[in-house]
Amino acid sequence: MKVTVTSRHFKAHASLNAYAEEAVEHLARYYDGILKAEVILHFEKARNSAKLAEINLSVYNAVLTGEGSTSDFFKSIDAAAARLTTQLKKYKERLHRRDRAKVRRVREKL
């Protein structure tokens, strides 16, 4: 899986980049068909300094997106990863449900 970390309008520290990559690699536990991941870090508003993390995962037939907005980039990354965990579980369940239906149809034809 290819992981890209982008920080908009600021220079992200190496530890923040490493944390983002580690969080995305942790998502591979739930579904191993992730092709690439993009992590985008930016400020939502300059005065309130709300920090937004957006993670886009490219899987075989879809693009899954999770966003998190808190006062800290690390917490924002965790929130986005938690949302993607739920989406990956649902996506994987849909794939399994389709495959089971195909197997049933093949068995009925025999």
C-alpha atoms as a PDB file:
ATOM      1  CA  MET A   1       0.000   0.000   0.000  1.00  0.00           C
ATOM      2  CA  LYS A   2       1.291   3.429  -0.943  1.00  0.00           C
ATOM      3  CA  VAL A   3       0.783   6.115   1.719  1.00  0.00           C
ATOM      4  CA  THR A   4       1.027   9.833   0.888  1.00  0.00           C
ATOM      5  CA  VAL A   5       0.981  12.471   3.632  1.00  0.00           C
ATOM      6  CA  THR A   6       0.252  16.056   2.564  1.00  0.00           C
ATOM      7  CA  SER A   7       0.248  19.088   4.830  1.00  0.00           C
ATOM      8  CA  ARG A   8      -1.422  22.179   3.464  1.00  0.00           C
ATOM      9  CA  HIS A   9      -0.095  25.652   4.299  1.00  0.00           C
ATOM     10  CA  PHE A  10       2.412  24.389   6.871  1.00  0.00           C
ATOM     11  CA  LYS A  11       5.400  22.069   7.214  1.00  0.00           C
ATOM     12  CA  ALA A  12       4.490  18.936   9.180  1.00  0.00           C
ATOM     13  CA  HIS A  13       6.989  17.518  11.643  1.00  0.00           C
ATOM     14  CA  ALA A  14       8.503  14.113  10.867  1.00  0.00           C
ATOM     15  CA  SER A  15       6.839  12.561  13.921  1.00  0.00           C
ATOM     16  CA  LEU A  16       3.423  13.707  12.684  1.00  0.00           C
ATOM     17  CA  ASN A  17       4.058  12.172   9.263  1.00  0.00           C
ATOM     18  CA  ALA A  18       5.219   8.920  10.858  1.00  0.00           C
ATOM     19  CA  TYR A  19       2.143   8.823  13.098  1.00  0.00           C
ATOM     20  CA  ALA A  20      -0.173   9.334  10.123  1.00  0.00           C
ATOM     21  CA  GLU A  21       1.521   6.558   8.151  1.00  0.00           C
ATOM     22  CA  GLU A  22       1.338   4.216  11.136  1.00  0.00           C
ATOM     23  CA  ALA A  23      -2.382   4.936  11.616  1.00  0.00           C
ATOM     24  CA  VAL A  24      -3.096   4.155   7.964  1.00  0.00           C
ATOM     25  CA  GLU A  25      -1.027   0.976   8.041  1.00  0.00           C
ATOM     26  CA  HIS A  26      -3.032  -0.106  11.083  1.00  0.00           C
ATOM     27  CA  LEU A  27      -6.184   0.016   8.902  1.00  0.00           C
ATOM     28  CA  ALA A  28      -4.762  -2.822   6.803  1.00  0.00           C
ATOM     29  CA  ARG A  29      -5.725  -5.144   9.671  1.00  0.00           C
ATOM     30  CA  TYR A  30      -9.378  -4.727   8.768  1.00  0.00           C
ATOM     31  CA  TYR A  31      -9.047  -5.032   4.994  1.00  0.00           C
ATOM     32  CA  ASP A  32      -5.925  -5.986   3.076  1.00  0.00           C
ATOM     33  CA  GLY A  33      -7.170  -4.777  -0.324  1.00  0.00           C
ATOM     34  CA  ILE A  34      -6.240  -1.139   0.236  1.00  0.00           C
ATOM     35  CA  LEU A  35      -4.403   0.081  -2.858  1.00  0.00           C
ATOM     36  CA  LYS A  36      -3.295   3.536  -1.751  1.00  0.00           C
ATOM     37  CA  ALA A  37      -3.933   6.023   1.017  1.00  0.00           C
ATOM     38  CA  GLU A  38      -3.763   9.812   1.097  1.00  0.00           C
ATOM     39  CA  VAL A  39      -3.583  11.733   4.360  1.00  0.00           C
ATOM     40  CA  ILE A  40      -4.291  15.469   4.114  1.00  0.00           C
ATOM     41  CA  LEU A  41      -3.597  17.702   7.109  1.00  0.00           C
ATOM     42  CA  HIS A  42      -4.700  21.330   7.247  1.00  0.00           C
ATOM     43  CA  PHE A  43      -6.151  24.047   9.449  1.00  0.00           C
ATOM     44  CA  GLU A  44      -9.897  24.573   9.298  1.00  0.00           C
ATOM     45  CA  LYS A  45      -9.812  28.138  10.612  1.00  0.00           C
ATOM     46  CA  ALA A  46      -6.756  30.173  11.459  1.00  0.00           C
ATOM     47  CA  ARG A  47      -8.181  31.858  14.575  1.00  0.00           C
ATOM     48  CA  ASN A  48      -9.774  28.850  16.247  1.00  0.00           C
ATOM     49  CA  SER A  49      -6.886  26.662  15.058  1.00  0.00           C
ATOM     50  CA  ALA A  50      -9.134  23.672  14.479  1.00  0.00           C
ATOM     51  CA  LYS A  51      -6.952  21.025  12.887  1.00  0.00           C
ATOM     52  CA  LEU A  52      -8.475  18.802  10.245  1.00  0.00           C
ATOM     53  CA  ALA A  53      -7.200  15.410   9.100  1.00  0.00           C
ATOM     54  CA  GLU A  54      -8.686  13.744   6.036  1.00  0.00           C
ATOM     55  CA  ILE A  55      -7.803  10.193   5.009  1.00  0.00           C
ATOM     56  CA  ASN A  56      -8.760   8.872   1.559  1.00  0.00           C
ATOM     57  CA  LEU A  57      -8.413   5.133   0.995  1.00  0.00           C
ATOM     58  CA  SER A  58      -8.565   3.680  -2.496  1.00  0.00           C
ATOM     59  CA  VAL A  59      -9.937   0.146  -2.470  1.00  0.00           C
ATOM     60  CA  TYR A  60     -10.868  -1.989  -5.464  1.00  0.00           C
ATOM     61  CA  ASN A  61     -14.277  -0.527  -6.335  1.00  0.00           C
ATOM     62  CA  ALA A  62     -14.530   2.577  -4.177  1.00  0.00           C
ATOM     63  CA  VAL A  63     -12.798   5.436  -2.404  1.00  0.00           C
ATOM     64  CA  LEU A  64     -13.463   5.619   1.336  1.00  0.00           C
ATOM     65  CA  THR A  65     -13.047   8.946   3.120  1.00  0.00           C
ATOM     66  CA  GLY A  66     -12.769   9.724   6.804  1.00  0.00           C
ATOM     67  CA  GLU A  67     -12.401  13.147   8.404  1.00  0.00           C
ATOM     68  CA  GLY A  68     -11.562  14.248  11.905  1.00  0.00           C
ATOM     69  CA  SER A  69     -11.462  17.755  13.329  1.00  0.00           C
ATOM     70  CA  THR A  70     -10.086  18.506  16.804  1.00  0.00           C
ATOM     71  CA  SER A  71      -7.610  20.868  18.436  1.00  0.00           C
ATOM     72  CA  ASP A  72      -4.711  18.438  17.874  1.00  0.00           C
ATOM     73  CA  PHE A  73      -3.516  16.744  14.674  1.00  0.00           C
ATOM     74  CA  PHE A  74      -2.839  13.438  16.432  1.00  0.00           C
ATOM     75  CA  LYS A  75      -6.399  13.266  17.761  1.00  0.00           C
ATOM     76  CA  SER A  76      -7.753  14.280  14.350  1.00  0.00           C
ATOM     77  CA  ILE A  77      -5.857  11.444  12.684  1.00  0.00           C
ATOM     78  CA  ASP A  78      -7.217   9.001  15.265  1.00  0.00           C
ATOM     79  CA  ALA A  79     -10.784  10.220  14.683  1.00  0.00           C
ATOM     80  CA  ALA A  80     -10.475   9.885  10.907  1.00  0.00           C
ATOM     81  CA  ALA A  81      -8.965   6.409  11.260  1.00  0.00           C
ATOM     82  CA  ALA A  82     -11.796   5.352  13.582  1.00  0.00           C
ATOM     83  CA  ARG A  83     -14.382   6.436  11.013  1.00  0.00           C
ATOM     84  CA  LEU A  84     -12.530   4.553   8.296  1.00  0.00           C
ATOM     85  CA  THR A  85     -12.409   1.429  10.455  1.00  0.00           C
ATOM     86  CA  THR A  86     -16.201   1.352  10.491  1.00  0.00           C
ATOM     87  CA  GLN A  87     -16.403   1.994   6.754  1.00  0.00           C
ATOM     88  CA  LEU A  88     -13.870  -0.752   5.994  1.00  0.00           C
ATOM     89  CA  LYS A  89     -15.786  -3.276   8.086  1.00  0.00           C
ATOM     90  CA  LYS A  90     -19.021  -2.432   6.246  1.00  0.00           C
ATOM     91  CA  TYR A  91     -17.283  -2.558   2.863  1.00  0.00           C
ATOM     92  CA  LYS A  92     -15.746  -5.940   3.624  1.00  0.00           C
ATOM     93  CA  GLU A  93     -19.101  -7.307   4.807  1.00  0.00           C
ATOM     94  CA  ARG A  94     -20.747  -6.159   1.558  1.00  0.00           C
ATOM     95  CA  LEU A  95     -18.059  -7.937  -0.453  1.00  0.00           C
ATOM     96  CA  HIS A  96     -18.556 -11.150   1.505  1.00  0.00           C
ATOM     97  CA  ARG A  97     -22.319 -10.932   1.098  1.00  0.00           C
ATOM     98  CA  ARG A  98     -21.956 -10.623  -2.691  1.00  0.00           C
ATOM     99  CA  ASP A  99     -19.542 -13.528  -2.870  1.00  0.00           C
ATOM    100  CA  ARG A 100     -21.902 -15.746  -0.866  1.00  0.00           C
ATOM    101  CA  ALA A 101     -24.723 -14.925  -3.250  1.00  0.00           C
ATOM    102  CA  LYS A 102     -22.553 -15.886  -6.245  1.00  0.00           C
ATOM    103  CA  VAL A 103     -21.640 -19.187  -4.619  1.00  0.00           C
ATOM    104  CA  ARG A 104     -25.320 -19.951  -3.985  1.00  0.00           C
ATOM    105  CA  ARG A 105     -26.210 -19.252  -7.613  1.00  0.00           C
ATOM    106  CA  VAL A 106     -23.457 -21.530  -8.877  1.00  0.00           C
ATOM    107  CA  ARG A 107     -24.568 -24.319  -6.516  1.00  0.00           C
ATOM    108  CA  GLU A 108     -28.186 -24.004  -7.683  1.00  0.00           C
ATOM    109  CA  LYS A 109     -27.137 -24.370 -11.331  1.00  0.00           C
ATOM    110  CA  LEU A 110     -25.362 -27.652 -10.541  1.00  0.00           C
END
